[in-house]
Amino acid sequence: MARVVVDVMPKQEILDPQGQAVANALPRLGFDGVSSVRQGKRFELEVDDSVDDAALAKIAETLLTNTVIEDFTVRRVES
């Protein structure tokens, strides 16, 4: 078994209202020095070793992301 992490983030040209809300709240909570926040999603999958990188990319592209407004990265990690 392998553990795979898929990170999904809004594309740079897409507004991120959740990230903006966090960025605006940080100074009010006493956290200075943060100029920008982008909020995304993280998926962790446990897959058989037989699942190749192309299949993982297809899973991420067709099910886990909206590729019109989001980018994704897929990586295998140590279990």
PDB file of N, CA and C in Angstrom:
ATOM      1  N   MET A   1       0.844  -1.188   0.000  1.00  0.00           N
ATOM      2  CA  MET A   1       0.000   0.000   0.000  1.00  0.00           C
ATOM      3  C   MET A   1       0.887   1.249   0.000  1.00  0.00           C
ATOM      4  N   ALA A   2       0.423   2.255  -0.674  1.00  0.00           N
ATOM      5  CA  ALA A   2       1.129   3.530  -0.728  1.00  0.00           C
ATOM      6  C   ALA A   2       0.174   4.631  -0.305  1.00  0.00           C
ATOM      7  N   ARG A   3       0.725   5.643   0.310  1.00  0.00           N
ATOM      8  CA  ARG A   3      -0.063   6.823   0.655  1.00  0.00           C
ATOM      9  C   ARG A   3       0.244   7.898  -0.376  1.00  0.00           C
ATOM     10  N   VAL A   4      -0.827   8.498  -0.893  1.00  0.00           N
ATOM     11  CA  VAL A   4      -0.707   9.552  -1.895  1.00  0.00           C
ATOM     12  C   VAL A   4      -1.404  10.788  -1.361  1.00  0.00           C
ATOM     13  N   VAL A   5      -0.766  11.929  -1.540  1.00  0.00           N
ATOM     14  CA  VAL A   5      -1.353  13.204  -1.137  1.00  0.00           C
ATOM     15  C   VAL A   5      -1.607  14.032  -2.391  1.00  0.00           C
ATOM     16  N   VAL A   6      -2.832  14.532  -2.493  1.00  0.00           N
ATOM     17  CA  VAL A   6      -3.200  15.437  -3.581  1.00  0.00           C
ATOM     18  C   VAL A   6      -3.518  16.787  -2.949  1.00  0.00           C
ATOM     19  N   ASP A   7      -2.722  17.782  -3.298  1.00  0.00           N
ATOM     20  CA  ASP A   7      -2.952  19.151  -2.830  1.00  0.00           C
ATOM     21  C   ASP A   7      -3.641  19.926  -3.948  1.00  0.00           C
ATOM     22  N   VAL A   8      -4.726  20.603  -3.597  1.00  0.00           N
ATOM     23  CA  VAL A   8      -5.517  21.360  -4.565  1.00  0.00           C
ATOM     24  C   VAL A   8      -5.551  22.821  -4.106  1.00  0.00           C
ATOM     25  N   MET A   9      -5.215  23.719  -5.015  1.00  0.00           N
ATOM     26  CA  MET A   9      -5.203  25.147  -4.702  1.00  0.00           C
ATOM     27  C   MET A   9      -5.910  25.925  -5.803  1.00  0.00           C
ATOM     28  N   PRO A  10      -6.533  27.054  -5.438  1.00  0.00           N
ATOM     29  CA  PRO A  10      -7.109  27.906  -6.487  1.00  0.00           C
ATOM     30  C   PRO A  10      -5.990  28.413  -7.399  1.00  0.00           C
ATOM     31  N   LYS A  11      -6.280  28.531  -8.670  1.00  0.00           N
ATOM     32  CA  LYS A  11      -5.302  29.104  -9.598  1.00  0.00           C
ATOM     33  C   LYS A  11      -4.996  30.535  -9.165  1.00  0.00           C
ATOM     34  N   GLN A  12      -3.801  31.004  -9.486  1.00  0.00           N
ATOM     35  CA  GLN A  12      -3.362  32.328  -9.045  1.00  0.00           C
ATOM     36  C   GLN A  12      -4.298  33.433  -9.511  1.00  0.00           C
ATOM     37  N   GLU A  13      -4.881  33.282 -10.691  1.00  0.00           N
ATOM     38  CA  GLU A  13      -5.742  34.348 -11.231  1.00  0.00           C
ATOM     39  C   GLU A  13      -7.165  34.312 -10.667  1.00  0.00           C
ATOM     40  N   ILE A  14      -7.475  33.318  -9.855  1.00  0.00           N
ATOM     41  CA  ILE A  14      -8.794  33.175  -9.260  1.00  0.00           C
ATOM     42  C   ILE A  14      -8.804  33.829  -7.876  1.00  0.00           C
ATOM     43  N   LEU A  15      -9.819  34.639  -7.609  1.00  0.00           N
ATOM     44  CA  LEU A  15      -9.953  35.243  -6.284  1.00  0.00           C
ATOM     45  C   LEU A  15     -10.168  34.149  -5.240  1.00  0.00           C
ATOM     46  N   ASP A  16      -9.631  34.369  -4.056  1.00  0.00           N
ATOM     47  CA  ASP A  16      -9.740  33.391  -2.974  1.00  0.00           C
ATOM     48  C   ASP A  16     -10.353  34.089  -1.757  1.00  0.00           C
ATOM     49  N   PRO A  17     -11.689  34.189  -1.689  1.00  0.00           N
ATOM     50  CA  PRO A  17     -12.311  34.923  -0.591  1.00  0.00           C
ATOM     51  C   PRO A  17     -12.047  34.303   0.778  1.00  0.00           C
ATOM     52  N   GLN A  18     -11.919  32.983   0.864  1.00  0.00           N
ATOM     53  CA  GLN A  18     -11.612  32.367   2.160  1.00  0.00           C
ATOM     54  C   GLN A  18     -10.213  32.748   2.613  1.00  0.00           C
ATOM     55  N   GLY A  19      -9.264  32.713   1.690  1.00  0.00           N
ATOM     56  CA  GLY A  19      -7.901  33.122   2.021  1.00  0.00           C
ATOM     57  C   GLY A  19      -7.835  34.588   2.413  1.00  0.00           C
ATOM     58  N   GLN A  20      -8.594  35.429   1.712  1.00  0.00           N
ATOM     59  CA  GLN A  20      -8.621  36.856   2.039  1.00  0.00           C
ATOM     60  C   GLN A  20      -9.216  37.087   3.423  1.00  0.00           C
ATOM     61  N   ALA A  21     -10.246  36.325   3.776  1.00  0.00           N
ATOM     62  CA  ALA A  21     -10.855  36.475   5.100  1.00  0.00           C
ATOM     63  C   ALA A  21      -9.853  36.108   6.195  1.00  0.00           C
ATOM     64  N   VAL A  22      -9.099  35.056   5.986  1.00  0.00           N
ATOM     65  CA  VAL A  22      -8.080  34.663   6.969  1.00  0.00           C
ATOM     66  C   VAL A  22      -7.004  35.743   7.060  1.00  0.00           C
ATOM     67  N   ALA A  23      -6.541  36.216   5.900  1.00  0.00           N
ATOM     68  CA  ALA A  23      -5.498  37.247   5.887  1.00  0.00           C
ATOM     69  C   ALA A  23      -5.962  38.511   6.601  1.00  0.00           C
ATOM     70  N   ASN A  24      -7.220  38.880   6.434  1.00  0.00           N
ATOM     71  CA  ASN A  24      -7.745  40.078   7.094  1.00  0.00           C
ATOM     72  C   ASN A  24      -7.917  39.884   8.599  1.00  0.00           C
ATOM     73  N   ALA A  25      -8.197  38.665   9.025  1.00  0.00           N
ATOM     74  CA  ALA A  25      -8.412  38.395  10.447  1.00  0.00           C
ATOM     75  C   ALA A  25      -7.107  38.304  11.235  1.00  0.00           C
ATOM     76  N   LEU A  26      -6.033  37.900  10.599  1.00  0.00           N
ATOM     77  CA  LEU A  26      -4.781  37.696  11.329  1.00  0.00           C
ATOM     78  C   LEU A  26      -4.289  38.936  12.082  1.00  0.00           C
ATOM     79  N   PRO A  27      -4.245  40.122  11.463  1.00  0.00           N
ATOM     80  CA  PRO A  27      -3.794  41.299  12.220  1.00  0.00           C
ATOM     81  C   PRO A  27      -4.706  41.633  13.402  1.00  0.00           C
ATOM     82  N   ARG A  28      -6.011  41.416  13.227  1.00  0.00           N
ATOM     83  CA  ARG A  28      -6.939  41.685  14.330  1.00  0.00           C
ATOM     84  C   ARG A  28      -6.689  40.745  15.504  1.00  0.00           C
ATOM     85  N   LEU A  29      -6.137  39.580  15.211  1.00  0.00           N
ATOM     86  CA  LEU A  29      -5.836  38.605  16.264  1.00  0.00           C
ATOM     87  C   LEU A  29      -4.408  38.744  16.790  1.00  0.00           C
ATOM     88  N   GLY A  30      -3.701  39.759  16.309  1.00  0.00           N
ATOM     89  CA  GLY A  30      -2.354  40.022  16.808  1.00  0.00           C
ATOM     90  C   GLY A  30      -1.246  39.350  16.019  1.00  0.00           C
ATOM     91  N   PHE A  31      -1.544  38.809  14.867  1.00  0.00           N
ATOM     92  CA  PHE A  31      -0.529  38.154  14.038  1.00  0.00           C
ATOM     93  C   PHE A  31      -0.186  39.071  12.874  1.00  0.00           C
ATOM     94  N   ASP A  32       0.963  39.729  12.969  1.00  0.00           N
ATOM     95  CA  ASP A  32       1.389  40.662  11.933  1.00  0.00           C
ATOM     96  C   ASP A  32       2.410  40.003  11.017  1.00  0.00           C
ATOM     97  N   GLY A  33       2.604  40.595   9.850  1.00  0.00           N
ATOM     98  CA  GLY A  33       3.633  40.145   8.933  1.00  0.00           C
ATOM     99  C   GLY A  33       3.169  39.159   7.871  1.00  0.00           C
ATOM    100  N   VAL A  34       1.907  38.765   7.891  1.00  0.00           N
ATOM    101  CA  VAL A  34       1.390  37.859   6.858  1.00  0.00           C
ATOM    102  C   VAL A  34       0.731  38.725   5.793  1.00  0.00           C
ATOM    103  N   SER A  35       1.254  38.670   4.581  1.00  0.00           N
ATOM    104  CA  SER A  35       0.741  39.552   3.532  1.00  0.00           C
ATOM    105  C   SER A  35      -0.310  38.891   2.648  1.00  0.00           C
ATOM    106  N   SER A  36      -0.339  37.564   2.604  1.00  0.00           N
ATOM    107  CA  SER A  36      -1.284  36.892   1.720  1.00  0.00           C
ATOM    108  C   SER A  36      -1.558  35.477   2.229  1.00  0.00           C
ATOM    109  N   VAL A  37      -2.795  35.022   2.042  1.00  0.00           N
ATOM    110  CA  VAL A  37      -3.183  33.659   2.394  1.00  0.00           C
ATOM    111  C   VAL A  37      -4.000  33.098   1.241  1.00  0.00           C
ATOM    112  N   ARG A  38      -3.697  31.863   0.847  1.00  0.00           N
ATOM    113  CA  ARG A  38      -4.501  31.137  -0.140  1.00  0.00           C
ATOM    114  C   ARG A  38      -4.924  29.834   0.529  1.00  0.00           C
ATOM    115  N   GLN A  39      -6.193  29.528   0.445  1.00  0.00           N
ATOM    116  CA  GLN A  39      -6.719  28.332   1.093  1.00  0.00           C
ATOM    117  C   GLN A  39      -7.020  27.275   0.046  1.00  0.00           C
ATOM    118  N   GLY A  40      -6.611  26.045   0.334  1.00  0.00           N
ATOM    119  CA  GLY A  40      -6.844  24.952  -0.594  1.00  0.00           C
ATOM    120  C   GLY A  40      -7.398  23.729   0.111  1.00  0.00           C
ATOM    121  N   LYS A  41      -7.233  22.578  -0.553  1.00  0.00           N
ATOM    122  CA  LYS A  41      -7.717  21.304  -0.021  1.00  0.00           C
ATOM    123  C   LYS A  41      -6.582  20.291  -0.087  1.00  0.00           C
ATOM    124  N   ARG A  42      -6.638  19.320   0.804  1.00  0.00           N
ATOM    125  CA  ARG A  42      -5.666  18.228   0.806  1.00  0.00           C
ATOM    126  C   ARG A  42      -6.440  16.919   0.881  1.00  0.00           C
ATOM    127  N   PHE A  43      -6.104  15.996  -0.015  1.00  0.00           N
ATOM    128  CA  PHE A  43      -6.695  14.665  -0.021  1.00  0.00           C
ATOM    129  C   PHE A  43      -5.590  13.652   0.237  1.00  0.00           C
ATOM    130  N   GLU A  44      -5.856  12.669   1.086  1.00  0.00           N
ATOM    131  CA  GLU A  44      -4.923  11.573   1.315  1.00  0.00           C
ATOM    132  C   GLU A  44      -5.587  10.288   0.855  1.00  0.00           C
ATOM    133  N   LEU A  45      -4.898   9.563  -0.006  1.00  0.00           N
ATOM    134  CA  LEU A  45      -5.415   8.320  -0.553  1.00  0.00           C
ATOM    135  C   LEU A  45      -4.470   7.182  -0.185  1.00  0.00           C
ATOM    136  N   GLU A  46      -5.018   6.054   0.186  1.00  0.00           N
ATOM    137  CA  GLU A  46      -4.250   4.818   0.357  1.00  0.00           C
ATOM    138  C   GLU A  46      -4.519   3.985  -0.891  1.00  0.00           C
ATOM    139  N   VAL A  47      -3.477   3.684  -1.650  1.00  0.00           N
ATOM    140  CA  VAL A  47      -3.656   2.980  -2.918  1.00  0.00           C
ATOM    141  C   VAL A  47      -2.726   1.773  -2.986  1.00  0.00           C
ATOM    142  N   ASP A  48      -3.112   0.801  -3.793  1.00  0.00           N
ATOM    143  CA  ASP A  48      -2.247  -0.342  -4.053  1.00  0.00           C
ATOM    144  C   ASP A  48      -1.009   0.133  -4.798  1.00  0.00           C
ATOM    145  N   ASP A  49       0.082  -0.606  -4.633  1.00  0.00           N
ATOM    146  CA  ASP A  49       1.313  -0.249  -5.336  1.00  0.00           C
ATOM    147  C   ASP A  49       1.153  -0.328  -6.851  1.00  0.00           C
ATOM    148  N   SER A  50       0.134  -1.043  -7.304  1.00  0.00           N
ATOM    149  CA  SER A  50      -0.085  -1.196  -8.748  1.00  0.00           C
ATOM    150  C   SER A  50      -0.679   0.057  -9.394  1.00  0.00           C
ATOM    151  N   VAL A  51      -1.188   0.995  -8.601  1.00  0.00           N
ATOM    152  CA  VAL A  51      -1.770   2.228  -9.157  1.00  0.00           C
ATOM    153  C   VAL A  51      -0.629   3.156  -9.562  1.00  0.00           C
ATOM    154  N   ASP A  52      -0.556   3.451 -10.861  1.00  0.00           N
ATOM    155  CA  ASP A  52       0.573   4.255 -11.346  1.00  0.00           C
ATOM    156  C   ASP A  52       0.272   5.754 -11.284  1.00  0.00           C
ATOM    157  N   ASP A  53       1.307   6.548 -11.559  1.00  0.00           N
ATOM    158  CA  ASP A  53       1.186   8.004 -11.461  1.00  0.00           C
ATOM    159  C   ASP A  53       0.171   8.571 -12.446  1.00  0.00           C
ATOM    160  N   ALA A  54       0.067   7.967 -13.617  1.00  0.00           N
ATOM    161  CA  ALA A  54      -0.906   8.456 -14.603  1.00  0.00           C
ATOM    162  C   ALA A  54      -2.335   8.269 -14.092  1.00  0.00           C
ATOM    163  N   ALA A  55      -2.600   7.140 -13.453  1.00  0.00           N
ATOM    164  CA  ALA A  55      -3.935   6.903 -12.898  1.00  0.00           C
ATOM    165  C   ALA A  55      -4.225   7.870 -11.759  1.00  0.00           C
ATOM    166  N   LEU A  56      -3.221   8.137 -10.942  1.00  0.00           N
ATOM    167  CA  LEU A  56      -3.408   9.077  -9.838  1.00  0.00           C
ATOM    168  C   LEU A  56      -3.709  10.479 -10.363  1.00  0.00           C
ATOM    169  N   ALA A  57      -2.999  10.885 -11.401  1.00  0.00           N
ATOM    170  CA  ALA A  57      -3.251  12.201 -11.989  1.00  0.00           C
ATOM    171  C   ALA A  57      -4.658  12.258 -12.579  1.00  0.00           C
ATOM    172  N   LYS A  58      -5.103  11.176 -13.188  1.00  0.00           N
ATOM    173  CA  LYS A  58      -6.454  11.138 -13.762  1.00  0.00           C
ATOM    174  C   LYS A  58      -7.510  11.229 -12.664  1.00  0.00           C
ATOM    175  N   ILE A  59      -7.285  10.546 -11.529  1.00  0.00           N
ATOM    176  CA  ILE A  59      -8.204  10.632 -10.388  1.00  0.00           C
ATOM    177  C   ILE A  59      -8.299  12.081  -9.905  1.00  0.00           C
ATOM    178  N   ALA A  60      -7.138  12.711  -9.737  1.00  0.00           N
ATOM    179  CA  ALA A  60      -7.111  14.095  -9.252  1.00  0.00           C
ATOM    180  C   ALA A  60      -7.797  15.034 -10.234  1.00  0.00           C
ATOM    181  N   GLU A  61      -7.545  14.833 -11.516  1.00  0.00           N
ATOM    182  CA  GLU A  61      -8.081  15.735 -12.534  1.00  0.00           C
ATOM    183  C   GLU A  61      -9.583  15.581 -12.727  1.00  0.00           C
ATOM    184  N   THR A  62     -10.097  14.358 -12.625  1.00  0.00           N
ATOM    185  CA  THR A  62     -11.508  14.141 -12.941  1.00  0.00           C
ATOM    186  C   THR A  62     -12.430  14.189 -11.727  1.00  0.00           C
ATOM    187  N   LEU A  63     -11.897  13.909 -10.536  1.00  0.00           N
ATOM    188  CA  LEU A  63     -12.769  13.815  -9.376  1.00  0.00           C
ATOM    189  C   LEU A  63     -12.451  14.819  -8.274  1.00  0.00           C
ATOM    190  N   LEU A  64     -11.178  15.056  -8.007  1.00  0.00           N
ATOM    191  CA  LEU A  64     -10.804  15.842  -6.833  1.00  0.00           C
ATOM    192  C   LEU A  64     -10.682  17.337  -7.094  1.00  0.00           C
ATOM    193  N   THR A  65     -10.585  17.738  -8.348  1.00  0.00           N
ATOM    194  CA  THR A  65     -10.399  19.161  -8.649  1.00  0.00           C
ATOM    195  C   THR A  65     -11.381  19.638  -9.703  1.00  0.00           C
ATOM    196  N   ASN A  66     -11.580  20.945  -9.702  1.00  0.00           N
ATOM    197  CA  ASN A  66     -12.247  21.626 -10.805  1.00  0.00           C
ATOM    198  C   ASN A  66     -11.124  22.323 -11.561  1.00  0.00           C
ATOM    199  N   THR A  67     -10.660  21.706 -12.642  1.00  0.00           N
ATOM    200  CA  THR A  67      -9.453  22.194 -13.319  1.00  0.00           C
ATOM    201  C   THR A  67      -9.633  23.555 -13.989  1.00  0.00           C
ATOM    202  N   VAL A  68     -10.856  24.045 -14.058  1.00  0.00           N
ATOM    203  CA  VAL A  68     -11.073  25.385 -14.608  1.00  0.00           C
ATOM    204  C   VAL A  68     -10.544  26.436 -13.635  1.00  0.00           C
ATOM    205  N   ILE A  69     -10.704  26.174 -12.326  1.00  0.00           N
ATOM    206  CA  ILE A  69     -10.323  27.180 -11.327  1.00  0.00           C
ATOM    207  C   ILE A  69      -9.273  26.689 -10.332  1.00  0.00           C
ATOM    208  N   GLU A  70      -8.859  25.413 -10.419  1.00  0.00           N
ATOM    209  CA  GLU A  70      -7.924  24.868  -9.433  1.00  0.00           C
ATOM    210  C   GLU A  70      -6.755  24.155 -10.111  1.00  0.00           C
ATOM    211  N   ASP A  71      -5.601  24.228  -9.460  1.00  0.00           N
ATOM    212  CA  ASP A  71      -4.420  23.453  -9.825  1.00  0.00           C
ATOM    213  C   ASP A  71      -4.225  22.368  -8.780  1.00  0.00           C
ATOM    214  N   PHE A  72      -3.511  21.310  -9.138  1.00  0.00           N
ATOM    215  CA  PHE A  72      -3.266  20.244  -8.173  1.00  0.00           C
ATOM    216  C   PHE A  72      -1.859  19.691  -8.327  1.00  0.00           C
ATOM    217  N   THR A  73      -1.354  19.106  -7.254  1.00  0.00           N
ATOM    218  CA  THR A  73      -0.119  18.340  -7.277  1.00  0.00           C
ATOM    219  C   THR A  73      -0.403  16.991  -6.630  1.00  0.00           C
ATOM    220  N   VAL A  74       0.253  15.972  -7.134  1.00  0.00           N
ATOM    221  CA  VAL A  74       0.108  14.614  -6.612  1.00  0.00           C
ATOM    222  C   VAL A  74       1.489  14.141  -6.196  1.00  0.00           C
ATOM    223  N   ARG A  75       1.585  13.600  -4.984  1.00  0.00           N
ATOM    224  CA  ARG A  75       2.875  13.058  -4.538  1.00  0.00           C
ATOM    225  C   ARG A  75       2.655  11.842  -3.647  1.00  0.00           C
ATOM    226  N   ARG A  76       3.567  10.906  -3.742  1.00  0.00           N
ATOM    227  CA  ARG A  76       3.561   9.736  -2.867  1.00  0.00           C
ATOM    228  C   ARG A  76       4.377  10.085  -1.625  1.00  0.00           C
ATOM    229  N   VAL A  77       3.895   9.661  -0.469  1.00  0.00           N
ATOM    230  CA  VAL A  77       4.592   9.943   0.783  1.00  0.00           C
ATOM    231  C   VAL A  77       4.815   8.642   1.543  1.00  0.00           C
ATOM    232  N   GLU A  78       5.733   8.664   2.477  1.00  0.00           N
ATOM    233  CA  GLU A  78       5.992   7.500   3.322  1.00  0.00           C
ATOM    234  C   GLU A  78       4.801   7.258   4.233  1.00  0.00           C
ATOM    235  N   SER A  79       4.405   6.018   4.363  1.00  0.00           N
ATOM    236  CA  SER A  79       3.261   5.676   5.233  1.00  0.00           C
ATOM    237  C   SER A  79       3.653   5.711   6.688  1.00  0.00           C
TER     238      SER A  79
END
